[in-house]
Each structure stands twice: as C-alpha cells, then as structure tokens.
Amino acid sequence: MDKMNNLPAVMGAVKTRERVLEEIRWNPGTYSKFKKLDEEFQEKLIEFCMGIRGVKMTYDSFFKFIFDAEVHPERLGDFLSAVLGRSLKIKRALRNEHRKISEKRSLILTDIIVEFESGELADVEIQKYGYLFGGERASCYSSDMVMRQYERVKSSRGEDFIYKDLKKVYIIVIMENSSREFKKLLKYVHKGEWKFDTGLKLNLLQEFYFIPLDIFFQIKDNKRKTIRSELEAWLYFIGSDKPEDIRRVLQKFPKFEEMYREVSVFRYHPEEAVEMFSDALKKLDENTVNYMIEMLKEELLKMGSALKEKDSALEEKNNALEEKDSIIEAREHALEKKDREIEVRDNIIKRMEREIAELRNV
C-alpha cells in the first residue's frame, strides 16, 4: 500500500484512548494541565495522541514550531512564495516587539515578520476571528513596516540614501473565521494594492493578502476533492487536522511528509503535547474575549449611530413643530388683528346709527 494512503506510516501507529489517557495521567503536572483544557480541546488532544487526527497549524505554538524562520526558513519561504505567486527566500526573521503601533488587546494568534533576500518584508498573521476593522488596521501595520524599513535603511545608507532603496512590504492575514465583508464573496485569496484609475504605473510599496480559511474549506467541501495547487496544499496543512485532508496533501505533495512527521513526534511526549495545546487554548481564549470586546464596541458604535439618527429625526420633527407653531401663532395674530378691525368697524357703525337716529328725531 502507498504509504501516503496509509496515515500510520507517516503519523505513527495508532494508540488506544485508554493508552493515551494512561500516559497523560502518569505525570501529575501534565494531567493537571490536561484537566484545565475544555472538553473540545481535551478530545482533540486525545485523538491527536491516538494518531487518528492531525493538528492545526493555526495554533500559535505549532505554527512557530514548524515554521521557525531560523531553523527552517525554506518552509515559510515556500508558503509565502505560493501566496505571493513568485519564488522568494527568507533571509531572517525580524523582531516584532518594537512596533511603533501596539495594541492592548489583540485578536492575533500568530504574528511573524520576515525579511526576504530581496530586501522585501512580510508580516504573517493568523487570526481566530477576522478583525471588524481589518482594512484600517492592516493599513496602519503596513505603514508602520514601511517607516521601520525607511528608518533602518536611511540610517545605514546615510547621505547615499534614496527612496528607491526601499522594498515592498506585504501584509498576509490568515483568518480561521472571517468577518462579514469576506462572507459576501466566495473567494479565499484577496490581493490588494494601490492603483491609479488613469493607469499610471508607480512602484508603490504596500500589498495586502487576506486569506479566509473558513471560505476556503467551504469552497473545497462543495467542489470536492482534488488539490490543484501548492497554495491549496499549504492551506490544508495549516488549517485542517482531518485525516482525509492530510492524505490528500501527501498524495499530491509528498514534501509535506517531513512536517507531518515532526508534528507527530508530540504524540509520544504527552507532557509536551499538553503544554502546546494549553498554550494554544490560552491564545484562543484571549482571542475569543477580545473578539467579544470588539463585537461589543461595534454594537456600541451602531447604537451610537442609531441614537444620532433618532436625535436628528427628533430635531427635524421639533423644527417642523416649531415652524407649525410659528405659523399658527402668526395666524392667531392675524385673526386677533381682524377681530380688532371688526370691533372698530362695528363701533363706527353703531356710532353712525346713533347719529342717524338723533337726526331723525330732530
């Protein structure tokens, strides 16, 4: 049998559930951490250690283990080459702790900045939930990267610096659960760049790539079931822990076997597997809380807008009522004036009638 169709040949021999639980319980500290996981994560961990499920690379701890740019720069380089559509090699990973832009609450699971041998920069993010203001945020981060590059290059080049020394910066955002803007479009790679409506060609430095995994899997589940490109294989590798997807990737691209094998090593070290899953769950929990905060903020903004609209409508009604009151008041003044004029006329008529009567009596 082709070993690519035989998952245990890659992931290792299947264990029983009882055996896995026994290995986890053997270390009290490991078992204590395991018990703190929610039921869904406990089940995923058990099935992973059994060898009947893979693990998602969207978990920060596993992604950074497999895509460590210092140890395996070619892996992240191959993935980013598939996204950007051209061959690129990673020179080094850059520290992202010193961004000028910082966030107290982040929805990011993973955030890695790398420099290519070409001098271009890429920021790779994985988000559990797509940001509600993703476009605005991506623009800020991209601008931040351009300015960081500008300061670094200008400092090193000194008086010889010219703006042509600056290279492209790429923002690549992978979302497990995309926001509503993406759900309107059945596309799973969105490329954005600055363009002029006249066709003017200038070397503008910022490009954006948004990849909603939920829509990718929705499309693939509907179309079934061949992998047509290396990018699709990478998205299955990063976003799916299903055995059938692992088989599909390995059948089409055997080079992924090494990475699947490296991940499977944790099956035989339950203390490390529990630690990795614990870190992943902590990130997911933080993400969920922050997402709920973002949702509440959006609801407050909507409520504020709705209240402003209501206030405007009430103000218009009040203005209309005031206008009507002014018209009514003017009419009342006019009627009073007419009443006075009628009263004066009646008095004149009465006086004239008296004078006529007096003349008749003479």
Protein backbone atom coordinates (compact mmCIF):
# COMPACT_ATOMS: atom_id res chain seq x y z
CA MET A 1 0.00 0.00 0.00
CA ASP A 2 1.18 3.53 -0.84
CA LYS A 3 2.33 5.00 2.45
CA MET A 4 0.67 8.28 1.50
CA ASN A 5 -2.66 6.45 1.72
CA ASN A 6 -1.60 4.80 4.97
CA LEU A 7 -1.66 7.53 7.61
CA PRO A 8 0.08 5.48 10.36
CA ALA A 9 3.10 5.20 8.06
CA VAL A 10 3.52 8.96 8.44
CA MET A 11 1.89 9.82 11.77
CA GLY A 12 2.91 6.64 13.61
CA ALA A 13 0.99 3.62 14.92
CA VAL A 14 -2.48 4.21 16.32
CA LYS A 15 -2.85 4.07 20.13
CA THR A 16 -5.97 3.29 22.10
CA ARG A 17 -7.76 6.00 24.01
CA GLU A 18 -7.02 4.16 27.28
CA ARG A 19 -3.31 4.08 26.49
CA VAL A 20 -3.20 7.82 25.77
CA LEU A 21 -5.08 8.69 28.97
CA GLU A 22 -2.77 6.43 30.95
CA GLU A 23 0.30 8.25 29.54
CA ILE A 24 -1.21 11.64 30.38
CA ARG A 25 -2.12 10.59 33.94
CA TRP A 26 1.37 9.22 34.56
CA ASN A 27 2.69 12.76 35.18
CA PRO A 28 0.55 14.63 37.79
CA GLY A 29 1.59 18.04 36.45
CA THR A 30 0.70 17.07 32.88
CA TYR A 31 -2.62 15.59 33.99
CA SER A 32 -3.45 18.76 35.95
CA LYS A 33 -2.89 20.90 32.84
CA PHE A 34 -4.89 18.43 30.76
CA LYS A 35 -7.86 18.74 33.13
CA LYS A 36 -7.80 22.52 32.72
CA LEU A 37 -8.40 22.20 28.98
CA ASP A 38 -12.00 22.48 27.85
CA GLU A 39 -13.69 19.29 26.65
CA GLU A 40 -13.27 20.08 22.96
CA PHE A 41 -9.52 20.60 23.35
CA GLN A 42 -9.17 17.52 25.55
CA GLU A 43 -10.82 15.44 22.82
CA LYS A 44 -8.64 16.92 20.08
CA LEU A 45 -5.53 16.23 22.15
CA ILE A 46 -6.58 12.65 22.84
CA GLU A 47 -7.36 11.95 19.17
CA PHE A 48 -4.08 13.57 18.12
CA CYS A 49 -2.10 11.40 20.54
CA MET A 50 -4.07 8.36 19.38
CA GLY A 51 -2.97 9.08 15.81
CA ILE A 52 -6.45 9.44 14.31
CA ARG A 53 -6.33 13.23 13.95
CA GLY A 54 -3.68 15.76 12.99
CA VAL A 55 -3.27 19.19 14.50
CA LYS A 56 -3.99 22.65 13.11
CA MET A 57 -1.04 24.91 12.39
CA THR A 58 -3.26 27.88 13.22
CA TYR A 59 -2.33 27.16 16.82
CA ASP A 60 0.49 29.59 17.59
CA SER A 61 2.73 27.07 19.35
CA PHE A 62 2.60 24.53 16.50
CA PHE A 63 2.91 27.15 13.74
CA LYS A 64 6.06 28.63 15.25
CA PHE A 65 7.48 25.15 15.83
CA ILE A 66 7.04 24.12 12.19
CA PHE A 67 7.70 27.49 10.56
CA ASP A 68 10.62 28.64 12.71
CA ALA A 69 12.38 31.01 10.29
CA GLU A 70 15.73 30.46 11.99
CA VAL A 71 15.59 26.65 11.74
CA HIS A 72 13.51 26.11 8.58
CA PRO A 73 13.39 29.39 6.61
CA GLU A 74 12.57 27.45 3.44
CA ARG A 75 9.18 26.35 4.79
CA LEU A 76 7.78 29.80 5.43
CA GLY A 77 9.52 30.93 2.25
CA ASP A 78 7.75 28.24 0.20
CA PHE A 79 4.40 29.10 1.74
CA LEU A 80 4.80 32.84 1.14
CA SER A 81 6.03 32.17 -2.40
CA ALA A 82 2.80 30.24 -3.04
CA VAL A 83 0.75 33.14 -1.65
CA LEU A 84 2.63 35.91 -3.49
CA GLY A 85 2.93 33.94 -6.72
CA ARG A 86 6.70 34.11 -7.15
CA SER A 87 9.76 32.44 -5.68
CA LEU A 88 11.14 34.13 -2.56
CA LYS A 89 13.73 33.09 0.01
CA ILE A 90 13.74 34.23 3.61
CA LYS A 91 16.88 35.90 4.87
CA ARG A 92 15.88 36.28 8.52
CA ALA A 93 13.05 36.77 10.98
CA LEU A 94 12.64 40.25 12.46
CA ARG A 95 11.59 41.08 15.98
CA ASN A 96 8.09 42.49 16.18
CA GLU A 97 8.16 43.57 19.81
CA HIS A 98 9.25 47.06 18.87
CA ARG A 99 6.40 48.07 16.61
CA LYS A 100 5.52 51.72 16.90
CA ILE A 101 1.91 50.60 16.77
CA SER A 102 0.88 48.49 19.74
CA GLU A 103 -2.43 47.03 20.84
CA LYS A 104 -3.58 46.36 24.38
CA ARG A 105 -5.95 43.69 23.12
CA SER A 106 -5.13 41.63 20.05
CA LEU A 107 -7.11 39.11 18.03
CA ILE A 108 -3.90 37.67 16.60
CA LEU A 109 -2.96 34.03 17.19
CA THR A 110 0.37 34.27 15.37
CA ASP A 111 2.39 37.22 14.14
CA ILE A 112 5.73 36.76 12.34
CA ILE A 113 7.74 39.38 10.45
CA VAL A 114 10.40 38.23 7.97
CA GLU A 115 12.84 39.81 5.57
CA PHE A 116 13.40 38.18 2.18
CA GLU A 117 16.78 38.01 0.49
CA SER A 118 15.40 40.59 -1.95
CA GLY A 119 15.06 43.05 0.97
CA GLU A 120 11.26 42.92 0.90
CA LEU A 121 9.37 42.44 4.17
CA ALA A 122 6.34 40.33 5.05
CA ASP A 123 4.14 40.30 8.12
CA VAL A 124 2.27 37.00 8.50
CA GLU A 125 -0.70 36.95 10.87
CA ILE A 126 -3.13 34.24 11.82
CA GLN A 127 -6.38 35.37 13.40
CA LYS A 128 -9.05 33.24 15.06
CA TYR A 129 -11.64 35.87 14.15
CA GLY A 130 -11.22 38.44 11.42
CA TYR A 131 -10.88 41.99 12.72
CA LEU A 132 -14.02 44.09 12.45
CA PHE A 133 -11.87 46.93 11.08
CA GLY A 134 -9.32 44.76 9.28
CA GLY A 135 -8.66 47.10 6.38
CA GLU A 136 -7.91 50.08 8.57
CA ARG A 137 -5.71 48.02 10.86
CA ALA A 138 -3.77 46.39 8.00
CA SER A 139 -3.13 49.83 6.51
CA CYS A 140 -1.69 51.05 9.83
CA TYR A 141 0.56 47.99 10.20
CA SER A 142 1.75 48.23 6.61
CA SER A 143 2.60 51.92 7.07
CA ASP A 144 4.42 51.05 10.29
CA MET A 145 6.55 48.48 8.42
CA VAL A 146 7.38 50.96 5.67
CA MET A 147 8.53 53.54 8.23
CA ARG A 148 10.59 50.96 10.15
CA GLN A 149 12.30 50.00 6.90
CA TYR A 150 12.81 53.67 5.97
CA GLU A 151 14.49 54.49 9.29
CA ARG A 152 16.71 51.39 9.16
CA VAL A 153 17.80 51.83 5.53
CA LYS A 154 18.30 55.59 5.82
CA SER A 155 20.41 55.09 8.92
CA SER A 156 22.64 52.53 7.19
CA ARG A 157 22.89 54.36 3.84
CA GLY A 158 23.37 57.82 5.28
CA GLU A 159 23.71 60.56 2.65
CA ASP A 160 23.62 57.92 -0.11
CA PHE A 161 20.03 57.04 0.75
CA ILE A 162 17.42 57.32 -2.00
CA TYR A 163 13.80 56.23 -1.81
CA LYS A 164 14.44 53.58 -4.44
CA ASP A 165 16.37 51.70 -1.72
CA LEU A 166 13.03 50.86 -0.08
CA LYS A 167 11.46 47.50 -0.91
CA LYS A 168 7.92 46.15 -0.95
CA VAL A 169 6.15 45.24 2.28
CA TYR A 170 3.45 42.56 2.37
CA ILE A 171 0.71 42.02 4.92
CA ILE A 172 -0.59 38.43 4.85
CA VAL A 173 -3.59 37.83 7.09
CA ILE A 174 -4.96 34.28 7.52
CA MET A 175 -8.33 34.08 9.25
CA GLU A 176 -9.91 30.95 10.69
CA ASN A 177 -13.26 32.74 10.88
CA SER A 178 -13.66 35.66 8.53
CA SER A 179 -15.71 38.80 9.08
CA ARG A 180 -18.89 39.56 7.15
CA GLU A 181 -17.15 41.50 4.37
CA PHE A 182 -15.44 38.30 3.24
CA LYS A 183 -18.50 36.09 3.57
CA LYS A 184 -20.21 38.09 0.82
CA LEU A 185 -17.59 36.84 -1.66
CA LEU A 186 -16.85 33.18 -2.39
CA LYS A 187 -13.12 33.84 -2.81
CA TYR A 188 -10.36 32.69 -0.48
CA VAL A 189 -7.42 34.83 -1.59
CA HIS A 190 -7.89 38.59 -1.74
CA LYS A 191 -4.95 40.62 -3.04
CA GLY A 192 -4.94 44.38 -2.58
CA GLU A 193 -2.51 47.03 -3.79
CA TRP A 194 -2.55 50.75 -4.57
CA LYS A 195 -3.51 51.61 -8.16
CA PHE A 196 -4.37 54.73 -10.14
CA ASP A 197 -7.58 54.96 -12.15
CA THR A 198 -5.63 56.52 -15.04
CA GLY A 199 -3.33 53.54 -15.50
CA LEU A 200 -0.34 55.44 -14.12
CA LYS A 201 2.40 52.99 -13.09
CA LEU A 202 4.35 53.80 -9.94
CA ASN A 203 6.27 51.46 -7.65
CA LEU A 204 4.08 51.77 -4.56
CA LEU A 205 5.37 49.70 -1.67
CA GLN A 206 2.37 48.12 0.07
CA GLU A 207 0.47 44.94 -0.81
CA PHE A 208 -2.16 43.08 1.21
CA TYR A 209 -3.30 39.46 1.14
CA PHE A 210 -6.33 38.26 3.11
CA ILE A 211 -6.99 34.51 3.23
CA PRO A 212 -10.24 33.37 4.95
CA LEU A 213 -9.77 29.67 5.74
CA ASP A 214 -13.45 29.16 6.53
CA ILE A 215 -14.37 30.19 2.98
CA PHE A 216 -11.52 28.09 1.54
CA PHE A 217 -12.87 24.97 3.24
CA GLN A 218 -16.45 25.86 2.32
CA ILE A 219 -15.47 26.05 -1.36
CA LYS A 220 -13.40 22.88 -1.23
CA ASP A 221 -16.09 20.92 0.62
CA ASN A 222 -18.60 21.94 -2.04
CA LYS A 223 -16.38 21.26 -5.05
CA ARG A 224 -14.53 18.18 -3.83
CA LYS A 225 -11.81 16.99 -3.66
CA THR A 226 -8.58 17.34 -5.53
CA ILE A 227 -5.76 19.70 -4.63
CA ARG A 228 -4.99 21.83 -7.67
CA SER A 229 -2.06 23.92 -6.43
CA GLU A 230 0.67 24.08 -3.83
CA LEU A 231 -1.11 27.02 -2.19
CA GLU A 232 -4.18 24.84 -1.62
CA ALA A 233 -1.93 22.17 -0.08
CA TRP A 234 -0.44 24.76 2.30
CA LEU A 235 -3.90 25.95 3.35
CA TYR A 236 -4.98 22.37 4.08
CA PHE A 237 -1.76 21.82 6.02
CA ILE A 238 -2.21 25.00 8.07
CA GLY A 239 -5.97 24.90 8.61
CA SER A 240 -7.09 21.28 8.77
CA ASP A 241 -6.49 18.42 11.22
CA LYS A 242 -8.75 15.96 9.34
CA PRO A 243 -7.08 12.65 8.32
CA GLU A 244 -8.66 12.75 4.85
CA ASP A 245 -7.14 16.19 4.21
CA ILE A 246 -3.73 15.02 5.42
CA ARG A 247 -3.90 12.07 2.98
CA ARG A 248 -4.91 14.40 0.16
CA VAL A 249 -1.96 16.73 0.80
CA LEU A 250 0.54 13.86 0.98
CA GLN A 251 -0.74 12.23 -2.18
CA LYS A 252 -0.25 15.42 -4.18
CA PHE A 253 2.80 16.89 -2.43
CA PRO A 254 4.96 14.29 -0.61
CA LYS A 255 7.31 17.04 0.63
CA PHE A 256 4.80 17.77 3.43
CA GLU A 257 5.57 14.37 4.95
CA GLU A 258 8.57 15.72 6.88
CA MET A 259 6.46 18.40 8.55
CA TYR A 260 3.65 16.00 9.43
CA ARG A 261 6.24 13.65 10.93
CA GLU A 262 7.74 16.42 13.06
CA VAL A 263 4.33 17.29 14.45
CA SER A 264 3.55 13.64 15.14
CA VAL A 265 6.59 13.40 17.46
CA PHE A 266 4.49 15.17 20.13
CA ARG A 267 2.19 12.11 20.18
CA TYR A 268 4.93 10.27 22.07
CA HIS A 269 5.62 13.11 24.51
CA PRO A 270 2.25 13.82 26.18
CA GLU A 271 3.72 16.38 28.58
CA GLU A 272 4.92 18.49 25.65
CA ALA A 273 1.71 17.92 23.68
CA VAL A 274 -0.40 19.07 26.64
CA GLU A 275 1.84 22.13 27.04
CA MET A 276 1.43 23.02 23.36
CA PHE A 277 -2.35 22.57 23.48
CA SER A 278 -2.52 24.58 26.73
CA ASP A 279 -0.65 27.48 25.12
CA ALA A 280 -2.91 27.25 22.08
CA LEU A 281 -6.08 27.26 24.19
CA LYS A 282 -4.84 30.24 26.21
CA LYS A 283 -4.34 32.17 22.98
CA LEU A 284 -7.75 31.10 21.70
CA ASP A 285 -9.44 32.12 24.94
CA GLU A 286 -7.78 35.54 24.82
CA ASN A 287 -8.81 35.83 21.20
CA THR A 288 -12.42 34.96 22.00
CA VAL A 289 -12.60 37.50 24.82
CA ASN A 290 -11.04 40.20 22.64
CA TYR A 291 -13.39 39.31 19.80
CA MET A 292 -16.38 39.73 22.09
CA ILE A 293 -14.97 43.11 23.18
CA GLU A 294 -14.63 44.11 19.53
CA MET A 295 -18.20 42.97 18.87
CA LEU A 296 -19.47 45.00 21.82
CA LYS A 297 -17.55 48.02 20.58
CA GLU A 298 -19.16 47.66 17.17
CA GLU A 299 -22.60 47.29 18.75
CA LEU A 300 -21.97 50.45 20.79
CA LEU A 301 -20.93 52.27 17.62
CA LYS A 302 -24.08 51.06 15.88
CA MET A 303 -26.21 52.10 18.85
CA GLY A 304 -24.49 55.48 18.91
CA SER A 305 -25.16 55.93 15.19
CA ALA A 306 -28.76 54.85 15.63
CA LEU A 307 -29.23 57.29 18.52
CA LYS A 308 -27.70 60.08 16.45
CA GLU A 309 -30.11 59.26 13.62
CA LYS A 310 -33.03 59.28 16.06
CA ASP A 311 -31.83 62.57 17.57
CA SER A 312 -31.60 64.05 14.07
CA ALA A 313 -35.10 62.81 13.25
CA LEU A 314 -36.45 64.23 16.52
CA GLU A 315 -34.70 67.51 15.87
CA GLU A 316 -36.28 67.67 12.42
CA LYS A 317 -39.69 66.92 13.91
CA ASN A 318 -39.14 69.55 16.60
CA ASN A 319 -38.11 72.07 13.96
CA ALA A 320 -41.20 71.19 11.94
CA LEU A 321 -43.40 71.55 15.02
CA GLU A 322 -41.77 74.87 15.87
CA GLU A 323 -42.40 76.00 12.31
CA LYS A 324 -46.04 74.90 12.58
CA ASP A 325 -46.32 76.69 15.94
CA SER A 326 -44.92 79.84 14.34
CA ILE A 327 -47.46 79.58 11.51
CA ILE A 328 -50.31 79.00 13.98
CA GLU A 329 -49.11 81.90 16.12
CA ALA A 330 -48.94 84.14 13.05
CA ARG A 331 -52.45 83.08 12.07
CA GLU A 332 -53.69 83.79 15.59
CA HIS A 333 -52.11 87.26 15.46
CA ALA A 334 -53.78 87.84 12.10
CA LEU A 335 -57.14 86.71 13.47
CA GLU A 336 -56.74 88.97 16.51
CA LYS A 337 -55.95 91.88 14.20
CA LYS A 338 -59.04 91.13 12.11
CA ASP A 339 -61.12 90.84 15.29
CA ARG A 340 -59.90 94.27 16.37
CA GLU A 341 -60.61 95.72 12.94
CA ILE A 342 -64.13 94.22 13.02
CA GLU A 343 -64.65 95.61 16.51
CA VAL A 344 -63.57 99.10 15.37
CA ARG A 345 -65.83 98.84 12.33
CA ASP A 346 -68.78 97.70 14.49
CA ASN A 347 -68.20 100.63 16.84
CA ILE A 348 -68.15 103.05 13.91
CA ILE A 349 -71.35 101.54 12.53
CA LYS A 350 -73.05 101.78 15.93
CA ARG A 351 -71.96 105.40 16.33
CA MET A 352 -73.23 106.26 12.86
CA GLU A 353 -76.53 104.51 13.58
CA ARG A 354 -76.89 106.63 16.75
CA GLU A 355 -76.14 109.82 14.85
CA ILE A 356 -78.71 108.91 12.15
CA ALA A 357 -81.31 108.19 14.84
CA GLU A 358 -80.63 111.52 16.51
CA LEU A 359 -81.04 113.36 13.19
CA ARG A 360 -84.40 111.66 12.59
CA ASN A 361 -85.66 112.76 15.96
CA VAL A 362 -84.88 116.40 15.34
